[in-house]
Amino acid sequence: MKKQAGKINKPELAWTKADYLTAKMDIPDKLLSDDIHTEGELMSEEETASWLADTEKTFFIIKQQNKKLFENLYQRYVVDIHYLCELGKITEEDTDELLRPERFNL
């Protein structure tokens, strides 16, 4: 979950354009022309798969370099995974598999 200047406390993929503006952060291209939807809602199946793969690769690198940063990012990841499940972007079985502790040697 992101906690920034605007005190937004929800899954990163649940942010709308207004949330990014409130937090004074760069708005993802996908949200520039959309004032209603979240980044997670607008992700295609391919984008969701890419986000999952990129996140996993990043985690393996970060965990070796900075365990505390990894732990913070992992907590955000857990919330985002549940949000993707709520949206129907991944199944409950996928959610269970993606959050399995041994996946990241937790």
N, C-alpha and C. Protein backbone atom coordinates (compact mmCIF):
# COMPACT_ATOMS: atom_id res chain seq x y z
N MET A 1 0.85 -1.17 0.00
CA MET A 1 0.00 0.00 0.00
C MET A 1 0.89 1.23 0.00
N LYS A 2 0.45 2.23 -0.70
CA LYS A 2 1.21 3.47 -0.74
C LYS A 2 0.76 4.40 0.36
N LYS A 3 1.71 5.03 0.99
CA LYS A 3 1.42 6.07 1.97
C LYS A 3 2.27 7.26 1.57
N GLN A 4 1.69 8.24 0.98
CA GLN A 4 2.43 9.38 0.47
C GLN A 4 1.91 10.67 1.08
N ALA A 5 2.32 11.79 0.49
CA ALA A 5 1.95 13.11 1.00
C ALA A 5 0.45 13.26 1.20
N GLY A 6 -0.34 12.71 0.29
CA GLY A 6 -1.78 12.84 0.38
C GLY A 6 -2.42 11.82 1.30
N LYS A 7 -1.62 11.05 2.00
CA LYS A 7 -2.08 10.03 2.95
C LYS A 7 -3.05 9.04 2.33
N ILE A 8 -2.72 8.60 1.15
CA ILE A 8 -3.53 7.59 0.47
C ILE A 8 -3.04 6.24 0.96
N ASN A 9 -3.96 5.43 1.43
CA ASN A 9 -3.59 4.16 2.03
C ASN A 9 -4.48 3.06 1.45
N LYS A 10 -4.12 2.63 0.26
CA LYS A 10 -4.84 1.56 -0.40
C LYS A 10 -3.91 0.89 -1.39
N PRO A 11 -4.30 -0.25 -1.93
CA PRO A 11 -3.41 -0.94 -2.86
C PRO A 11 -2.94 -0.01 -3.98
N GLU A 12 -1.68 -0.16 -4.35
CA GLU A 12 -1.12 0.67 -5.41
C GLU A 12 -1.93 0.55 -6.70
N LEU A 13 -2.34 -0.65 -7.03
CA LEU A 13 -3.10 -0.85 -8.26
C LEU A 13 -4.53 -0.33 -8.15
N ALA A 14 -4.94 0.13 -6.96
CA ALA A 14 -6.28 0.68 -6.76
C ALA A 14 -6.28 2.21 -6.83
N TRP A 15 -5.14 2.78 -7.14
CA TRP A 15 -5.07 4.24 -7.25
C TRP A 15 -5.71 4.72 -8.54
N THR A 16 -6.42 5.83 -8.44
CA THR A 16 -6.97 6.51 -9.60
C THR A 16 -6.06 7.69 -9.94
N LYS A 17 -6.36 8.35 -11.02
CA LYS A 17 -5.61 9.55 -11.41
C LYS A 17 -5.62 10.57 -10.28
N ALA A 18 -6.76 10.74 -9.64
CA ALA A 18 -6.88 11.71 -8.53
C ALA A 18 -5.96 11.35 -7.37
N ASP A 19 -5.79 10.07 -7.10
CA ASP A 19 -4.90 9.64 -6.03
C ASP A 19 -3.45 10.05 -6.33
N TYR A 20 -3.03 9.85 -7.57
CA TYR A 20 -1.67 10.24 -7.95
C TYR A 20 -1.49 11.75 -7.84
N LEU A 21 -2.51 12.50 -8.24
CA LEU A 21 -2.44 13.96 -8.12
C LEU A 21 -2.35 14.38 -6.66
N THR A 22 -3.15 13.77 -5.81
CA THR A 22 -3.13 14.07 -4.38
C THR A 22 -1.76 13.79 -3.78
N ALA A 23 -1.16 12.69 -4.18
CA ALA A 23 0.14 12.28 -3.66
C ALA A 23 1.30 13.02 -4.34
N LYS A 24 0.96 13.81 -5.36
CA LYS A 24 1.98 14.56 -6.12
C LYS A 24 3.01 13.63 -6.72
N MET A 25 2.51 12.56 -7.34
CA MET A 25 3.36 11.57 -7.99
C MET A 25 3.01 11.51 -9.47
N ASP A 26 3.97 11.02 -10.26
CA ASP A 26 3.73 10.87 -11.69
C ASP A 26 2.56 9.92 -11.93
N ILE A 27 1.70 10.32 -12.85
CA ILE A 27 0.53 9.52 -13.20
C ILE A 27 0.92 8.52 -14.28
N PRO A 28 0.61 7.24 -14.10
CA PRO A 28 0.89 6.26 -15.16
C PRO A 28 0.17 6.65 -16.44
N ASP A 29 0.82 6.41 -17.56
CA ASP A 29 0.26 6.78 -18.87
C ASP A 29 -1.18 6.30 -19.04
N LYS A 30 -1.44 5.10 -18.58
CA LYS A 30 -2.75 4.48 -18.73
C LYS A 30 -3.86 5.30 -18.07
N LEU A 31 -3.51 6.06 -17.03
CA LEU A 31 -4.52 6.83 -16.28
C LEU A 31 -4.61 8.29 -16.71
N LEU A 32 -3.71 8.73 -17.57
CA LEU A 32 -3.70 10.15 -17.96
C LEU A 32 -5.03 10.62 -18.53
N SER A 33 -5.68 9.78 -19.30
CA SER A 33 -6.94 10.19 -19.93
C SER A 33 -8.15 9.51 -19.30
N ASP A 34 -7.98 8.97 -18.10
CA ASP A 34 -9.07 8.26 -17.43
C ASP A 34 -9.19 8.75 -15.99
N ASP A 35 -10.28 9.41 -15.69
CA ASP A 35 -10.48 9.97 -14.35
C ASP A 35 -11.25 9.05 -13.42
N ILE A 36 -11.69 7.91 -13.90
CA ILE A 36 -12.59 7.06 -13.13
C ILE A 36 -11.94 5.76 -12.66
N HIS A 37 -11.23 5.09 -13.54
CA HIS A 37 -10.75 3.73 -13.26
C HIS A 37 -9.41 3.73 -12.53
N THR A 38 -9.12 2.57 -11.98
CA THR A 38 -7.82 2.35 -11.33
C THR A 38 -6.89 1.68 -12.33
N GLU A 39 -5.61 1.70 -11.99
CA GLU A 39 -4.65 1.03 -12.86
C GLU A 39 -4.96 -0.46 -12.96
N GLY A 40 -5.31 -1.09 -11.84
CA GLY A 40 -5.65 -2.51 -11.84
C GLY A 40 -6.85 -2.82 -12.73
N GLU A 41 -7.85 -1.95 -12.70
CA GLU A 41 -9.04 -2.17 -13.52
C GLU A 41 -8.72 -2.12 -15.01
N LEU A 42 -7.76 -1.30 -15.38
CA LEU A 42 -7.43 -1.10 -16.79
C LEU A 42 -6.40 -2.09 -17.33
N MET A 43 -5.83 -2.90 -16.46
CA MET A 43 -4.81 -3.85 -16.89
C MET A 43 -5.44 -4.99 -17.70
N SER A 44 -4.81 -5.27 -18.84
CA SER A 44 -5.24 -6.42 -19.65
C SER A 44 -4.67 -7.69 -19.02
N GLU A 45 -5.08 -8.83 -19.54
CA GLU A 45 -4.56 -10.10 -19.04
C GLU A 45 -3.04 -10.16 -19.22
N GLU A 46 -2.57 -9.68 -20.37
CA GLU A 46 -1.13 -9.69 -20.64
C GLU A 46 -0.39 -8.73 -19.71
N GLU A 47 -0.96 -7.57 -19.45
CA GLU A 47 -0.34 -6.60 -18.55
C GLU A 47 -0.30 -7.13 -17.11
N THR A 48 -1.33 -7.82 -16.72
CA THR A 48 -1.36 -8.42 -15.38
C THR A 48 -0.25 -9.46 -15.26
N ALA A 49 -0.14 -10.32 -16.25
CA ALA A 49 0.91 -11.35 -16.25
C ALA A 49 2.29 -10.70 -16.24
N SER A 50 2.47 -9.66 -17.01
CA SER A 50 3.75 -8.95 -17.06
C SER A 50 4.07 -8.29 -15.72
N TRP A 51 3.05 -7.67 -15.10
CA TRP A 51 3.24 -7.03 -13.79
C TRP A 51 3.67 -8.07 -12.76
N LEU A 52 3.03 -9.22 -12.77
CA LEU A 52 3.37 -10.29 -11.83
C LEU A 52 4.80 -10.78 -12.05
N ALA A 53 5.18 -11.01 -13.30
CA ALA A 53 6.53 -11.50 -13.61
C ALA A 53 7.59 -10.46 -13.25
N ASP A 54 7.34 -9.21 -13.60
CA ASP A 54 8.30 -8.14 -13.29
C ASP A 54 8.46 -7.96 -11.79
N THR A 55 7.36 -8.03 -11.06
CA THR A 55 7.40 -7.88 -9.61
C THR A 55 8.22 -9.00 -8.98
N GLU A 56 7.98 -10.22 -9.45
CA GLU A 56 8.71 -11.36 -8.90
C GLU A 56 10.21 -11.22 -9.15
N LYS A 57 10.60 -10.85 -10.36
CA LYS A 57 12.01 -10.67 -10.69
C LYS A 57 12.63 -9.59 -9.80
N THR A 58 11.92 -8.49 -9.65
CA THR A 58 12.40 -7.38 -8.83
C THR A 58 12.58 -7.83 -7.39
N PHE A 59 11.64 -8.59 -6.88
CA PHE A 59 11.71 -9.05 -5.49
C PHE A 59 12.94 -9.90 -5.23
N PHE A 60 13.29 -10.77 -6.15
CA PHE A 60 14.45 -11.62 -5.94
C PHE A 60 15.73 -10.80 -5.86
N ILE A 61 15.81 -9.74 -6.63
CA ILE A 61 16.98 -8.85 -6.60
C ILE A 61 16.98 -8.04 -5.30
N ILE A 62 15.85 -7.41 -4.99
CA ILE A 62 15.77 -6.54 -3.81
C ILE A 62 16.00 -7.33 -2.53
N LYS A 63 15.47 -8.53 -2.46
CA LYS A 63 15.60 -9.33 -1.23
C LYS A 63 17.07 -9.59 -0.91
N GLN A 64 17.88 -9.76 -1.94
CA GLN A 64 19.31 -9.99 -1.73
C GLN A 64 20.03 -8.71 -1.30
N GLN A 65 19.54 -7.56 -1.75
CA GLN A 65 20.23 -6.30 -1.51
C GLN A 65 19.73 -5.54 -0.29
N ASN A 66 18.42 -5.64 0.00
CA ASN A 66 17.86 -4.82 1.08
C ASN A 66 16.62 -5.52 1.64
N LYS A 67 16.81 -6.30 2.67
CA LYS A 67 15.73 -7.10 3.23
C LYS A 67 14.57 -6.24 3.75
N LYS A 68 14.88 -5.11 4.38
CA LYS A 68 13.83 -4.24 4.92
C LYS A 68 12.96 -3.66 3.79
N LEU A 69 13.59 -3.22 2.71
CA LEU A 69 12.84 -2.72 1.56
C LEU A 69 11.98 -3.84 0.98
N PHE A 70 12.55 -5.04 0.87
CA PHE A 70 11.80 -6.18 0.37
C PHE A 70 10.54 -6.40 1.22
N GLU A 71 10.69 -6.38 2.54
CA GLU A 71 9.55 -6.62 3.42
C GLU A 71 8.46 -5.57 3.22
N ASN A 72 8.84 -4.31 3.07
CA ASN A 72 7.85 -3.25 2.81
C ASN A 72 7.15 -3.46 1.48
N LEU A 73 7.93 -3.76 0.46
CA LEU A 73 7.34 -3.97 -0.87
C LEU A 73 6.48 -5.23 -0.90
N TYR A 74 6.90 -6.25 -0.17
CA TYR A 74 6.11 -7.47 -0.14
C TYR A 74 4.73 -7.22 0.48
N GLN A 75 4.66 -6.41 1.52
CA GLN A 75 3.37 -6.09 2.13
C GLN A 75 2.46 -5.38 1.14
N ARG A 76 3.03 -4.50 0.33
CA ARG A 76 2.24 -3.82 -0.72
C ARG A 76 1.78 -4.83 -1.77
N TYR A 77 2.68 -5.75 -2.11
CA TYR A 77 2.38 -6.79 -3.09
C TYR A 77 1.19 -7.63 -2.64
N VAL A 78 1.18 -8.03 -1.38
CA VAL A 78 0.09 -8.85 -0.84
C VAL A 78 -1.25 -8.13 -1.04
N VAL A 79 -1.30 -6.86 -0.73
CA VAL A 79 -2.54 -6.09 -0.87
C VAL A 79 -2.93 -5.97 -2.34
N ASP A 80 -1.93 -5.73 -3.21
CA ASP A 80 -2.22 -5.64 -4.64
C ASP A 80 -2.72 -6.97 -5.20
N ILE A 81 -2.15 -8.07 -4.74
CA ILE A 81 -2.60 -9.39 -5.21
C ILE A 81 -4.06 -9.62 -4.82
N HIS A 82 -4.41 -9.28 -3.60
CA HIS A 82 -5.82 -9.43 -3.18
C HIS A 82 -6.73 -8.51 -4.00
N TYR A 83 -6.25 -7.33 -4.32
CA TYR A 83 -7.05 -6.41 -5.15
C TYR A 83 -7.25 -6.99 -6.55
N LEU A 84 -6.20 -7.54 -7.14
CA LEU A 84 -6.34 -8.16 -8.47
C LEU A 84 -7.34 -9.31 -8.42
N CYS A 85 -7.36 -10.05 -7.33
CA CYS A 85 -8.32 -11.14 -7.17
C CYS A 85 -9.74 -10.57 -7.08
N GLU A 86 -9.92 -9.52 -6.30
CA GLU A 86 -11.24 -8.88 -6.18
C GLU A 86 -11.75 -8.42 -7.54
N LEU A 87 -10.84 -7.94 -8.38
CA LEU A 87 -11.22 -7.47 -9.71
C LEU A 87 -11.49 -8.61 -10.68
N GLY A 88 -11.10 -9.82 -10.30
CA GLY A 88 -11.26 -10.96 -11.20
C GLY A 88 -10.12 -11.07 -12.20
N LYS A 89 -9.03 -10.36 -11.95
CA LYS A 89 -7.88 -10.42 -12.85
C LYS A 89 -7.07 -11.69 -12.62
N ILE A 90 -7.13 -12.21 -11.40
CA ILE A 90 -6.52 -13.50 -11.07
C ILE A 90 -7.52 -14.28 -10.22
N THR A 91 -7.36 -15.58 -10.21
CA THR A 91 -8.28 -16.44 -9.46
C THR A 91 -7.84 -16.55 -8.00
N GLU A 92 -8.70 -17.10 -7.18
CA GLU A 92 -8.33 -17.35 -5.79
C GLU A 92 -7.19 -18.36 -5.71
N GLU A 93 -7.19 -19.33 -6.62
CA GLU A 93 -6.11 -20.31 -6.65
C GLU A 93 -4.80 -19.62 -7.01
N ASP A 94 -4.84 -18.70 -7.99
CA ASP A 94 -3.65 -17.93 -8.34
C ASP A 94 -3.17 -17.12 -7.14
N THR A 95 -4.11 -16.51 -6.43
CA THR A 95 -3.78 -15.70 -5.27
C THR A 95 -3.05 -16.56 -4.23
N ASP A 96 -3.60 -17.72 -3.93
CA ASP A 96 -2.96 -18.62 -2.97
C ASP A 96 -1.55 -19.00 -3.41
N GLU A 97 -1.40 -19.30 -4.69
CA GLU A 97 -0.08 -19.69 -5.21
C GLU A 97 0.89 -18.51 -5.16
N LEU A 98 0.44 -17.33 -5.55
CA LEU A 98 1.32 -16.16 -5.58
C LEU A 98 1.74 -15.70 -4.18
N LEU A 99 0.94 -16.04 -3.17
CA LEU A 99 1.26 -15.62 -1.81
C LEU A 99 1.84 -16.74 -0.95
N ARG A 100 2.11 -17.88 -1.57
CA ARG A 100 2.71 -18.98 -0.85
C ARG A 100 4.06 -18.53 -0.27
N PRO A 101 4.27 -18.66 1.05
CA PRO A 101 5.51 -18.16 1.69
C PRO A 101 6.79 -18.68 1.05
N GLU A 102 6.80 -19.95 0.64
CA GLU A 102 8.03 -20.50 0.07
C GLU A 102 8.38 -19.90 -1.29
N ARG A 103 7.43 -19.23 -1.91
CA ARG A 103 7.68 -18.59 -3.21
C ARG A 103 8.80 -17.56 -3.11
N PHE A 104 8.88 -16.87 -1.98
CA PHE A 104 9.92 -15.86 -1.77
C PHE A 104 10.81 -16.22 -0.59
N ASN A 105 10.81 -17.49 -0.23
CA ASN A 105 11.60 -17.98 0.91
C ASN A 105 11.32 -17.18 2.18
N LEU A 106 10.04 -17.01 2.49
CA LEU A 106 9.65 -16.28 3.69
C LEU A 106 9.61 -17.18 4.90
